[in-house]
C-alpha atoms as a PDB file:
ATOM      1  CA  MET A   1      96.297 -76.645  42.079  1.00  0.00           C
ATOM      2  CA  PRO A   2      97.388 -76.560  45.747  1.00  0.00           C
ATOM      3  CA  LYS A   3      94.618 -76.468  48.336  1.00  0.00           C
ATOM      4  CA  SER A   4      95.935 -73.204  49.817  1.00  0.00           C
ATOM      5  CA  THR A   5      95.706 -71.540  46.395  1.00  0.00           C
ATOM      6  CA  LYS A   6      92.100 -72.658  46.018  1.00  0.00           C
ATOM      7  CA  TRP A   7      91.263 -71.178  49.424  1.00  0.00           C
ATOM      8  CA  PHE A   8      92.976 -67.924  48.479  1.00  0.00           C
ATOM      9  CA  LEU A   9      91.120 -67.653  45.170  1.00  0.00           C
ATOM     10  CA  GLY A  10      87.839 -68.510  46.889  1.00  0.00           C
ATOM     11  CA  ILE A  11      88.268 -65.785  49.501  1.00  0.00           C
ATOM     12  CA  LEU A  12      89.336 -63.315  46.797  1.00  0.00           C
ATOM     13  CA  GLY A  13      86.238 -64.140  44.751  1.00  0.00           C
ATOM     14  CA  LEU A  14      83.994 -63.743  47.796  1.00  0.00           C
ATOM     15  CA  LEU A  15      85.474 -60.329  48.545  1.00  0.00           C
ATOM     16  CA  ALA A  16      84.966 -59.292  44.914  1.00  0.00           C
ATOM     17  CA  LEU A  17      81.311 -60.381  45.054  1.00  0.00           C
ATOM     18  CA  LEU A  18      80.793 -58.434  48.294  1.00  0.00           C
ATOM     19  CA  ALA A  19      82.365 -55.323  46.734  1.00  0.00           C
ATOM     20  CA  ILE A  20      80.136 -55.597  43.666  1.00  0.00           C
ATOM     21  CA  GLY A  21      77.110 -56.144  45.918  1.00  0.00           C
ATOM     22  CA  PHE A  22      77.789 -53.002  47.945  1.00  0.00           C
ATOM     23  CA  PHE A  23      78.362 -51.024  44.747  1.00  0.00           C
ATOM     24  CA  LEU A  24      75.032 -52.130  43.284  1.00  0.00           C
ATOM     25  CA  LEU A  25      73.221 -51.564  46.577  1.00  0.00           C
ATOM     26  CA  PHE A  26      74.247 -47.952  47.017  1.00  0.00           C
ATOM     27  CA  TYR A  27      73.970 -46.969  43.372  1.00  0.00           C
ATOM     28  CA  SER A  28      70.682 -48.708  42.635  1.00  0.00           C
ATOM     29  CA  LEU A  29      68.881 -47.200  45.631  1.00  0.00           C
ATOM     30  CA  PRO A  30      69.061 -43.403  45.261  1.00  0.00           C
ATOM     31  CA  SER A  31      67.185 -42.834  48.517  1.00  0.00           C
ATOM     32  CA  PHE A  32      70.171 -44.335  50.324  1.00  0.00           C
ATOM     33  CA  THR A  33      72.689 -42.025  48.733  1.00  0.00           C
ATOM     34  CA  THR A  34      70.802 -38.779  48.191  1.00  0.00           C
ATOM     35  CA  ARG A  35      69.975 -36.228  50.834  1.00  0.00           C
ATOM     36  CA  THR A  36      66.460 -34.889  50.725  1.00  0.00           C
ATOM     37  CA  THR A  37      64.944 -31.919  52.502  1.00  0.00           C
ATOM     38  CA  GLU A  38      61.717 -31.338  54.309  1.00  0.00           C
ATOM     39  CA  THR A  39      60.041 -28.159  55.488  1.00  0.00           C
ATOM     40  CA  VAL A  40      59.446 -27.850  59.209  1.00  0.00           C
ATOM     41  CA  VAL A  41      56.769 -25.446  60.434  1.00  0.00           C
ATOM     42  CA  THR A  42      56.287 -24.442  64.078  1.00  0.00           C
ATOM     43  CA  GLY A  43      53.885 -21.932  65.572  1.00  0.00           C
ATOM     44  CA  SER A  44      50.444 -20.836  64.435  1.00  0.00           C
ATOM     45  CA  GLY A  45      50.769 -17.273  63.125  1.00  0.00           C
ATOM     46  CA  ASP A  46      52.050 -15.835  59.854  1.00  0.00           C
ATOM     47  CA  LYS A  47      55.288 -17.373  58.570  1.00  0.00           C
ATOM     48  CA  ILE A  48      58.888 -16.339  59.038  1.00  0.00           C
ATOM     49  CA  ALA A  49      61.467 -18.336  57.065  1.00  0.00           C
ATOM     50  CA  VAL A  50      64.716 -19.249  58.817  1.00  0.00           C
ATOM     51  CA  VAL A  51      67.848 -19.683  56.696  1.00  0.00           C
ATOM     52  CA  GLU A  52      71.044 -20.868  58.375  1.00  0.00           C
ATOM     53  CA  LEU A  53      74.574 -19.909  57.392  1.00  0.00           C
ATOM     54  CA  SER A  54      77.113 -21.878  59.396  1.00  0.00           C
ATOM     55  CA  GLY A  55      80.727 -22.894  59.011  1.00  0.00           C
ATOM     56  CA  VAL A  56      83.231 -21.713  56.421  1.00  0.00           C
ATOM     57  CA  ILE A  57      81.612 -20.137  53.366  1.00  0.00           C
ATOM     58  CA  GLN A  58      82.640 -22.180  50.330  1.00  0.00           C
ATOM     59  CA  PHE A  59      79.566 -22.151  48.106  1.00  0.00           C
ATOM     60  CA  SER A  60      76.549 -19.867  47.779  1.00  0.00           C
ATOM     61  CA  GLU A  61      74.110 -21.930  45.703  1.00  0.00           C
ATOM     62  CA  ASP A  62      72.064 -23.529  48.484  1.00  0.00           C
ATOM     63  CA  PHE A  63      71.783 -20.308  50.492  1.00  0.00           C
ATOM     64  CA  VAL A  64      70.793 -18.291  47.408  1.00  0.00           C
ATOM     65  CA  ARG A  65      68.246 -20.940  46.422  1.00  0.00           C
ATOM     66  CA  GLN A  66      66.550 -20.798  49.800  1.00  0.00           C
ATOM     67  CA  VAL A  67      66.469 -17.004  49.955  1.00  0.00           C
ATOM     68  CA  LYS A  68      65.054 -16.769  46.429  1.00  0.00           C
ATOM     69  CA  LYS A  69      62.404 -19.402  47.208  1.00  0.00           C
ATOM     70  CA  TYR A  70      61.241 -17.577  50.328  1.00  0.00           C
ATOM     71  CA  ARG A  71      61.345 -14.202  48.588  1.00  0.00           C
ATOM     72  CA  GLU A  72      58.938 -15.450  45.937  1.00  0.00           C
ATOM     73  CA  ASP A  73      56.670 -17.208  48.446  1.00  0.00           C
ATOM     74  CA  ARG A  74      53.906 -14.762  49.351  1.00  0.00           C
ATOM     75  CA  SER A  75      53.035 -16.708  52.495  1.00  0.00           C
ATOM     76  CA  ILE A  76      56.465 -15.843  53.940  1.00  0.00           C
ATOM     77  CA  ARG A  77      56.279 -12.456  55.651  1.00  0.00           C
ATOM     78  CA  ALA A  78      59.919 -12.113  56.715  1.00  0.00           C
ATOM     79  CA  LEU A  79      63.291 -13.877  56.672  1.00  0.00           C
ATOM     80  CA  LEU A  80      65.486 -14.623  59.676  1.00  0.00           C
ATOM     81  CA  ILE A  81      69.116 -15.362  58.776  1.00  0.00           C
ATOM     82  CA  ARG A  82      71.002 -17.192  61.519  1.00  0.00           C
ATOM     83  CA  ILE A  83      74.747 -16.699  61.005  1.00  0.00           C
ATOM     84  CA  ASP A  84      77.503 -18.617  62.773  1.00  0.00           C
ATOM     85  CA  SER A  85      80.413 -18.387  60.363  1.00  0.00           C
ATOM     86  CA  PRO A  86      84.009 -17.098  60.181  1.00  0.00           C
ATOM     87  CA  GLY A  87      83.422 -16.148  56.543  1.00  0.00           C
ATOM     88  CA  GLY A  88      85.171 -17.698  53.579  1.00  0.00           C
ATOM     89  CA  GLY A  89      85.345 -17.186  49.836  1.00  0.00           C
ATOM     90  CA  VAL A  90      84.952 -13.648  48.501  1.00  0.00           C
ATOM     91  CA  VAL A  91      82.601 -14.447  45.618  1.00  0.00           C
ATOM     92  CA  PRO A  92      80.112 -16.675  47.489  1.00  0.00           C
ATOM     93  CA  SER A  93      79.967 -14.084  50.296  1.00  0.00           C
ATOM     94  CA  GLN A  94      79.195 -11.368  47.768  1.00  0.00           C
ATOM     95  CA  GLU A  95      76.547 -13.491  46.033  1.00  0.00           C
ATOM     96  CA  MET A  96      74.756 -14.177  49.326  1.00  0.00           C
ATOM     97  CA  TYR A  97      74.837 -10.483  50.227  1.00  0.00           C
ATOM     98  CA  GLU A  98      73.421  -9.471  46.846  1.00  0.00           C
ATOM     99  CA  GLU A  99      70.568 -11.991  47.181  1.00  0.00           C
ATOM    100  CA  LEU A 100      69.638 -10.609  50.600  1.00  0.00           C
ATOM    101  CA  LYS A 101      69.835  -7.056  49.278  1.00  0.00           C
ATOM    102  CA  LYS A 102      67.574  -7.977  46.349  1.00  0.00           C
ATOM    103  CA  THR A 103      65.073  -9.549  48.738  1.00  0.00           C
ATOM    104  CA  ARG A 104      65.156  -6.564  51.080  1.00  0.00           C
ATOM    105  CA  ALA A 105      64.395  -4.291  48.116  1.00  0.00           C
ATOM    106  CA  THR A 106      61.046  -6.073  47.628  1.00  0.00           C
ATOM    107  CA  GLY A 107      59.935  -4.840  51.031  1.00  0.00           C
ATOM    108  CA  LYS A 108      60.193  -8.220  52.747  1.00  0.00           C
ATOM    109  CA  PRO A 109      62.062  -7.683  56.056  1.00  0.00           C
ATOM    110  CA  ILE A 110      65.276  -9.597  56.722  1.00  0.00           C
ATOM    111  CA  VAL A 111      66.704  -9.891  60.231  1.00  0.00           C
ATOM    112  CA  VAL A 112      70.140 -11.354  60.925  1.00  0.00           C
ATOM    113  CA  SER A 113      70.675 -13.172  64.206  1.00  0.00           C
ATOM    114  CA  MET A 114      74.373 -13.575  64.990  1.00  0.00           C
ATOM    115  CA  GLY A 115      75.521 -16.657  66.871  1.00  0.00           C
ATOM    116  CA  SER A 116      78.998 -17.067  68.316  1.00  0.00           C
ATOM    117  CA  LEU A 117      80.690 -15.730  65.185  1.00  0.00           C
ATOM    118  CA  ALA A 118      79.541 -13.677  62.220  1.00  0.00           C
ATOM    119  CA  ALA A 119      82.869 -12.419  60.989  1.00  0.00           C
ATOM    120  CA  SER A 120      84.448 -11.279  57.738  1.00  0.00           C
ATOM    121  CA  GLY A 121      82.422 -12.921  54.931  1.00  0.00           C
ATOM    122  CA  GLY A 122      79.749 -13.747  57.521  1.00  0.00           C
ATOM    123  CA  TYR A 123      79.479 -10.046  58.342  1.00  0.00           C
ATOM    124  CA  TYR A 124      79.564  -9.132  54.641  1.00  0.00           C
ATOM    125  CA  VAL A 125      76.479 -11.318  54.093  1.00  0.00           C
ATOM    126  CA  ALA A 126      74.782  -9.813  57.159  1.00  0.00           C
ATOM    127  CA  CYS A 127      75.065  -6.326  55.667  1.00  0.00           C
ATOM    128  CA  GLY A 128      72.335  -7.239  53.183  1.00  0.00           C
ATOM    129  CA  ALA A 129      69.720  -7.489  55.943  1.00  0.00           C
ATOM    130  CA  SER A 130      67.209  -4.939  57.219  1.00  0.00           C
ATOM    131  CA  ARG A 131      68.266  -5.342  60.857  1.00  0.00           C
ATOM    132  CA  LEU A 132      71.341  -6.866  62.498  1.00  0.00           C
ATOM    133  CA  VAL A 133      70.981  -8.467  65.930  1.00  0.00           C
ATOM    134  CA  ALA A 134      73.918  -9.846  67.947  1.00  0.00           C
ATOM    135  CA  ASN A 135      74.375 -11.407  71.340  1.00  0.00           C
ATOM    136  CA  ARG A 136      76.583  -9.483  73.728  1.00  0.00           C
ATOM    137  CA  GLY A 137      79.398 -11.969  73.291  1.00  0.00           C
ATOM    138  CA  SER A 138      79.027 -12.550  69.545  1.00  0.00           C
ATOM    139  CA  LEU A 139      82.178 -11.848  67.554  1.00  0.00           C
ATOM    140  CA  THR A 140      81.675  -9.913  64.346  1.00  0.00           C
ATOM    141  CA  GLY A 141      83.484  -7.509  62.048  1.00  0.00           C
ATOM    142  CA  SER A 142      86.884  -8.769  60.853  1.00  0.00           C
ATOM    143  CA  ILE A 143      86.461  -6.500  57.840  1.00  0.00           C
ATOM    144  CA  GLY A 144      89.410  -7.473  55.716  1.00  0.00           C
ATOM    145  CA  VAL A 145      90.854  -9.878  53.163  1.00  0.00           C
ATOM    146  CA  ILE A 146      93.380 -12.651  53.638  1.00  0.00           C
ATOM    147  CA  SER A 147      95.361 -14.887  51.339  1.00  0.00           C
ATOM    148  CA  GLU A 148      97.647 -17.748  52.333  1.00  0.00           C
ATOM    149  CA  PHE A 149     100.054 -19.656  50.106  1.00  0.00           C
ATOM    150  CA  LEU A 150     101.613 -23.039  50.803  1.00  0.00           C
ATOM    151  CA  GLN A 151     105.347 -23.136  50.118  1.00  0.00           C
ATOM    152  CA  PHE A 152     106.902 -26.521  49.274  1.00  0.00           C
ATOM    153  CA  ARG A 153     110.241 -25.377  47.848  1.00  0.00           C
ATOM    154  CA  GLU A 154     112.465 -26.144  50.842  1.00  0.00           C
ATOM    155  CA  ALA A 155     110.853 -29.535  51.444  1.00  0.00           C
ATOM    156  CA  MET A 156     111.250 -30.394  47.748  1.00  0.00           C
ATOM    157  CA  ASP A 157     114.930 -29.445  47.846  1.00  0.00           C
ATOM    158  CA  LYS A 158     115.518 -31.778  50.795  1.00  0.00           C
ATOM    159  CA  LEU A 159     113.763 -34.609  48.965  1.00  0.00           C
ATOM    160  CA  GLY A 160     115.615 -33.969  45.735  1.00  0.00           C
ATOM    161  CA  ILE A 161     112.437 -33.080  43.842  1.00  0.00           C
ATOM    162  CA  ASP A 162     112.379 -30.400  41.155  1.00  0.00           C
ATOM    163  CA  VAL A 163     109.654 -28.919  38.957  1.00  0.00           C
ATOM    164  CA  LYS A 164     110.181 -27.255  35.600  1.00  0.00           C
ATOM    165  CA  THR A 165     107.571 -24.636  34.707  1.00  0.00           C
ATOM    166  CA  ILE A 166     107.029 -23.339  31.174  1.00  0.00           C
ATOM    167  CA  LYS A 167     105.059 -20.090  31.152  1.00  0.00           C
ATOM    168  CA  SER A 168     104.226 -16.975  29.180  1.00  0.00           C
ATOM    169  CA  GLY A 169     104.202 -13.841  31.319  1.00  0.00           C
ATOM    170  CA  LYS A 170     106.230 -13.431  34.494  1.00  0.00           C
ATOM    171  CA  LEU A 171     103.156 -13.540  36.775  1.00  0.00           C
ATOM    172  CA  LYS A 172     101.513 -16.595  35.187  1.00  0.00           C
ATOM    173  CA  ASP A 173     102.716 -18.884  37.992  1.00  0.00           C
ATOM    174  CA  ALA A 174     102.511 -16.299  40.785  1.00  0.00           C
ATOM    175  CA  GLY A 175     101.572 -18.029  44.015  1.00  0.00           C
ATOM    176  CA  SER A 176     102.960 -21.389  42.931  1.00  0.00           C
ATOM    177  CA  PRO A 177     103.876 -23.548  45.957  1.00  0.00           C
ATOM    178  CA  VAL A 178     106.952 -24.929  44.176  1.00  0.00           C
ATOM    179  CA  ARG A 179     108.924 -21.687  44.066  1.00  0.00           C
ATOM    180  CA  LYS A 180     109.589 -18.763  46.368  1.00  0.00           C
ATOM    181  CA  MET A 181     107.339 -15.750  46.017  1.00  0.00           C
ATOM    182  CA  THR A 182     109.075 -12.794  44.401  1.00  0.00           C
ATOM    183  CA  GLU A 183     108.617  -9.128  45.242  1.00  0.00           C
ATOM    184  CA  ASP A 184     106.592  -8.691  42.030  1.00  0.00           C
ATOM    185  CA  ASP A 185     104.362 -11.595  43.072  1.00  0.00           C
ATOM    186  CA  GLN A 186     103.695  -9.998  46.442  1.00  0.00           C
ATOM    187  CA  LYS A 187     102.879  -6.624  44.902  1.00  0.00           C
ATOM    188  CA  TYR A 188     100.526  -8.319  42.444  1.00  0.00           C
ATOM    189  CA  PHE A 189      98.562 -10.181  45.111  1.00  0.00           C
ATOM    190  CA  GLN A 190      98.556  -7.159  47.399  1.00  0.00           C
ATOM    191  CA  SER A 191      96.930  -5.079  44.658  1.00  0.00           C
ATOM    192  CA  LEU A 192      94.222  -7.726  44.235  1.00  0.00           C
ATOM    193  CA  MET A 193      93.685  -7.825  47.977  1.00  0.00           C
ATOM    194  CA  ASP A 194      93.480  -4.042  48.294  1.00  0.00           C
ATOM    195  CA  GLY A 195      90.860  -3.885  45.549  1.00  0.00           C
ATOM    196  CA  VAL A 196      88.647  -6.546  47.151  1.00  0.00           C
ATOM    197  CA  HIS A 197      89.148  -4.884  50.542  1.00  0.00           C
ATOM    198  CA  ARG A 198      87.849  -1.606  49.092  1.00  0.00           C
ATOM    199  CA  GLN A 199      84.747  -3.441  47.908  1.00  0.00           C
ATOM    200  CA  PHE A 200      84.111  -4.685  51.452  1.00  0.00           C
ATOM    201  CA  ILE A 201      84.626  -1.223  52.936  1.00  0.00           C
ATOM    202  CA  ALA A 202      82.248   0.318  50.396  1.00  0.00           C
ATOM    203  CA  VAL A 203      79.481  -2.139  51.334  1.00  0.00           C
ATOM    204  CA  VAL A 204      79.935  -1.517  55.067  1.00  0.00           C
ATOM    205  CA  GLN A 205      80.014   2.256  54.546  1.00  0.00           C
ATOM    206  CA  GLU A 206      76.841   2.223  52.459  1.00  0.00           C
ATOM    207  CA  GLU A 207      74.802  -0.299  54.441  1.00  0.00           C
ATOM    208  CA  ARG A 208      75.751   0.922  57.907  1.00  0.00           C
ATOM    209  CA  LYS A 209      75.580   4.630  56.971  1.00  0.00           C
ATOM    210  CA  LEU A 210      79.118   5.320  58.189  1.00  0.00           C
ATOM    211  CA  GLU A 211      81.508   8.113  57.368  1.00  0.00           C
ATOM    212  CA  HIS A 212      84.238   6.951  54.987  1.00  0.00           C
ATOM    213  CA  ALA A 213      87.029   7.630  57.495  1.00  0.00           C
ATOM    214  CA  LYS A 214      85.256   5.627  60.191  1.00  0.00           C
ATOM    215  CA  ALA A 215      84.567   2.715  57.846  1.00  0.00           C
ATOM    216  CA  ILE A 216      88.268   2.573  56.976  1.00  0.00           C
ATOM    217  CA  ALA A 217      89.262   2.754  60.653  1.00  0.00           C
ATOM    218  CA  LEU A 218      87.003  -0.198  61.496  1.00  0.00           C
ATOM    219  CA  ALA A 219      88.220  -2.245  58.518  1.00  0.00           C
ATOM    220  CA  ASP A 220      91.582  -3.307  59.920  1.00  0.00           C
ATOM    221  CA  GLY A 221      90.659  -6.974  60.315  1.00  0.00           C
ATOM    222  CA  ARG A 222      89.829  -6.979  64.035  1.00  0.00           C
ATOM    223  CA  VAL A 223      86.708  -8.532  65.484  1.00  0.00           C
ATOM    224  CA  PHE A 224      84.285  -6.799  67.834  1.00  0.00           C
ATOM    225  CA  THR A 225      82.008  -8.173  70.509  1.00  0.00           C
ATOM    226  CA  GLY A 226      78.298  -7.628  70.008  1.00  0.00           C
ATOM    227  CA  GLU A 227      78.355  -4.732  72.473  1.00  0.00           C
ATOM    228  CA  GLN A 228      81.316  -3.103  70.741  1.00  0.00           C
ATOM    229  CA  ALA A 229      79.752  -3.605  67.318  1.00  0.00           C
ATOM    230  CA  VAL A 230      76.545  -1.842  68.405  1.00  0.00           C
ATOM    231  CA  ALA A 231      78.583   1.062  69.815  1.00  0.00           C
ATOM    232  CA  GLU A 232      80.503   1.373  66.529  1.00  0.00           C
ATOM    233  CA  GLY A 233      77.386   1.182  64.359  1.00  0.00           C
ATOM    234  CA  LEU A 234      78.195  -2.182  62.802  1.00  0.00           C
ATOM    235  CA  VAL A 235      75.188  -3.887  64.429  1.00  0.00           C
ATOM    236  CA  ASP A 236      71.750  -2.455  65.232  1.00  0.00           C
ATOM    237  CA  THR A 237      70.913  -4.009  68.576  1.00  0.00           C
ATOM    238  CA  ILE A 238      71.770  -6.595  71.198  1.00  0.00           C
ATOM    239  CA  GLY A 239      69.414  -9.551  71.287  1.00  0.00           C
ATOM    240  CA  THR A 240      69.061 -13.303  71.456  1.00  0.00           C
ATOM    241  CA  TYR A 241      67.778 -15.584  68.722  1.00  0.00           C
ATOM    242  CA  GLU A 242      64.269 -15.446  70.208  1.00  0.00           C
ATOM    243  CA  GLU A 243      64.393 -11.662  70.360  1.00  0.00           C
ATOM    244  CA  ALA A 244      65.508 -11.584  66.718  1.00  0.00           C
ATOM    245  CA  ILE A 245      62.373 -13.587  65.854  1.00  0.00           C
ATOM    246  CA  ASN A 246      60.233 -11.012  67.638  1.00  0.00           C
ATOM    247  CA  ILE A 247      61.984  -8.171  65.792  1.00  0.00           C
ATOM    248  CA  ALA A 248      61.337  -9.887  62.450  1.00  0.00           C
ATOM    249  CA  ALA A 249      57.683 -10.391  63.369  1.00  0.00           C
ATOM    250  CA  SER A 250      57.350  -6.739  64.350  1.00  0.00           C
ATOM    251  CA  LEU A 251      58.935  -5.491  61.114  1.00  0.00           C
ATOM    252  CA  ALA A 252      56.584  -7.734  59.118  1.00  0.00           C
ATOM    253  CA  GLY A 253      53.508  -6.643  61.080  1.00  0.00           C
ATOM    254  CA  ILE A 254      52.841 -10.178  62.343  1.00  0.00           C
ATOM    255  CA  GLU A 255      50.484 -10.368  65.307  1.00  0.00           C
ATOM    256  CA  GLY A 256      50.770 -13.182  67.803  1.00  0.00           C
ATOM    257  CA  LYS A 257      53.354 -15.957  67.702  1.00  0.00           C
ATOM    258  CA  PRO A 258      54.770 -16.396  64.186  1.00  0.00           C
ATOM    259  CA  SER A 259      55.286 -19.740  62.467  1.00  0.00           C
ATOM    260  CA  LEU A 260      58.904 -20.601  61.710  1.00  0.00           C
ATOM    261  CA  VAL A 261      59.634 -22.345  58.412  1.00  0.00           C
ATOM    262  CA  ARG A 262      63.010 -23.894  57.654  1.00  0.00           C
ATOM    263  CA  GLU A 263      64.623 -26.618  55.625  1.00  0.00           C
ATOM    264  CA  ARG A 264      66.007 -29.618  57.437  1.00  0.00           C
ATOM    265  CA  LYS A 265      68.487 -32.090  56.038  1.00  0.00           C
ATOM    266  CA  ARG A 266      67.130 -35.617  56.260  1.00  0.00           C
ATOM    267  CA  VAL A 267      69.925 -38.031  57.154  1.00  0.00           C
ATOM    268  CA  THR A 268      69.941 -41.042  54.830  1.00  0.00           C
ATOM    269  CA  LEU A 269      71.545 -44.409  55.479  1.00  0.00           C
ATOM    270  CA  TRP A 270      74.609 -43.507  53.416  1.00  0.00           C
ATOM    271  CA  ASN A 271      75.116 -40.130  55.071  1.00  0.00           C
ATOM    272  CA  GLY A 272      74.419 -41.574  58.489  1.00  0.00           C
ATOM    273  CA  LEU A 273      77.192 -44.138  57.996  1.00  0.00           C
ATOM    274  CA  PHE A 274      79.717 -42.195  55.948  1.00  0.00           C
ATOM    275  CA  GLY A 275      78.589 -38.554  55.862  1.00  0.00           C
ATOM    276  CA  ASP A 276      80.832 -37.306  58.674  1.00  0.00           C
ATOM    277  CA  VAL A 277      83.898 -39.006  57.194  1.00  0.00           C
ATOM    278  CA  GLY A 278      83.146 -37.657  53.716  1.00  0.00           C
ATOM    279  CA  ASP A 279      82.549 -34.142  55.050  1.00  0.00           C
ATOM    280  CA  ALA A 280      85.810 -34.262  57.011  1.00  0.00           C
ATOM    281  CA  VAL A 281      87.814 -35.368  53.957  1.00  0.00           C
ATOM    282  CA  ARG A 282      86.186 -32.693  51.794  1.00  0.00           C
ATOM    283  CA  ASP A 283      86.831 -29.959  54.384  1.00  0.00           C
ATOM    284  CA  LEU A 284      90.475 -31.046  54.787  1.00  0.00           C
ATOM    285  CA  LYS A 285      90.990 -30.978  51.020  1.00  0.00           C
ATOM    286  CA  GLN A 286      89.399 -27.508  50.860  1.00  0.00           C
ATOM    287  CA  GLU A 287      91.515 -26.267  53.763  1.00  0.00           C
ATOM    288  CA  ILE A 288      94.840 -27.504  52.401  1.00  0.00           C
ATOM    289  CA  LEU A 289      94.585 -27.594  48.621  1.00  0.00           C
ATOM    290  CA  GLN A 290      91.589 -25.564  47.455  1.00  0.00           C
ATOM    291  CA  ARG A 291      91.433 -22.501  49.683  1.00  0.00           C
ATOM    292  CA  PRO A 292      90.360 -19.454  47.651  1.00  0.00           C
ATOM    293  CA  VAL A 293      93.139 -17.072  46.665  1.00  0.00           C
ATOM    294  CA  LEU A 294      91.261 -14.210  48.334  1.00  0.00           C
ATOM    295  CA  SER A 295      89.045 -14.793  51.352  1.00  0.00           C
ATOM    296  CA  TYR A 296      86.800 -12.726  53.557  1.00  0.00           C
ATOM    297  CA  ARG A 297      87.691 -14.964  56.475  1.00  0.00           C
ATOM    298  CA  TYR A 298      88.412 -14.564  60.167  1.00  0.00           C
ATOM    299  CA  ASN A 299      91.573 -16.572  60.864  1.00  0.00           C
ATOM    300  CA  GLY A 300      91.370 -16.719  64.637  1.00  0.00           C
ATOM    301  CA  PRO A 301      90.170 -19.631  66.801  1.00  0.00           C
ATOM    302  CA  TYR A 302      86.703 -20.936  65.917  1.00  0.00           C
END
């Protein structure tokens, strides 16, 4: 066997051993690959739990879990929901709203503090709270539904690629990226969108005690500044995050400076090294390939 071949096989074997070693390292040490949480408590008075909702809404499980946990914890006197989100999926937004509404019904106060953006699905979730607080420059509202469909047909034609679809029912492949959308397709998706839009309007009308005509007029997809939202009845008051804490304490009858309880993500070795890359890949995949058909989402700059 030539000497060069031996060197090549030796290097190849070494690389294989290193790959196996890394595999065993990260899969045999769960603490390196699993995120854990810890509870952080500040202050000395009765407790207010802080739950954060940030970024595009894709899933509801973690938010719902936290809200349920704090609802059942008798030591927690109130919840403060910090929202900085353009919204997202219809169903997770609705599930978060319903969990806040259920918690509010127990008599435990919930105050929403709006950051830079609490729009569309973010505003839908906020409607489940007892009191809505926004900064003057916060953007909120965007009461509407949006759906976007990738279209690959022209690019496929240029590349000489074709797809044959076998289906039962003319709308079974509605929204497919490999063919042009027909008029029937558009009517079909528009009817879905109108129905989900009516659901959003009904929640805003009920929770914000608005006349039906006014709720419809405000539900044209535009965003409002915090000041505008207060004037229109979409938000209760202007206030900072710290002022929202004081409002929550007042509603809960807490005297003195309240303790703030929240969950923090503990960064592990794996997530410290690869977490940002993994999150970026996942978000890109969600943005391009897995965006919900119907979204309560603000589509402006964020």
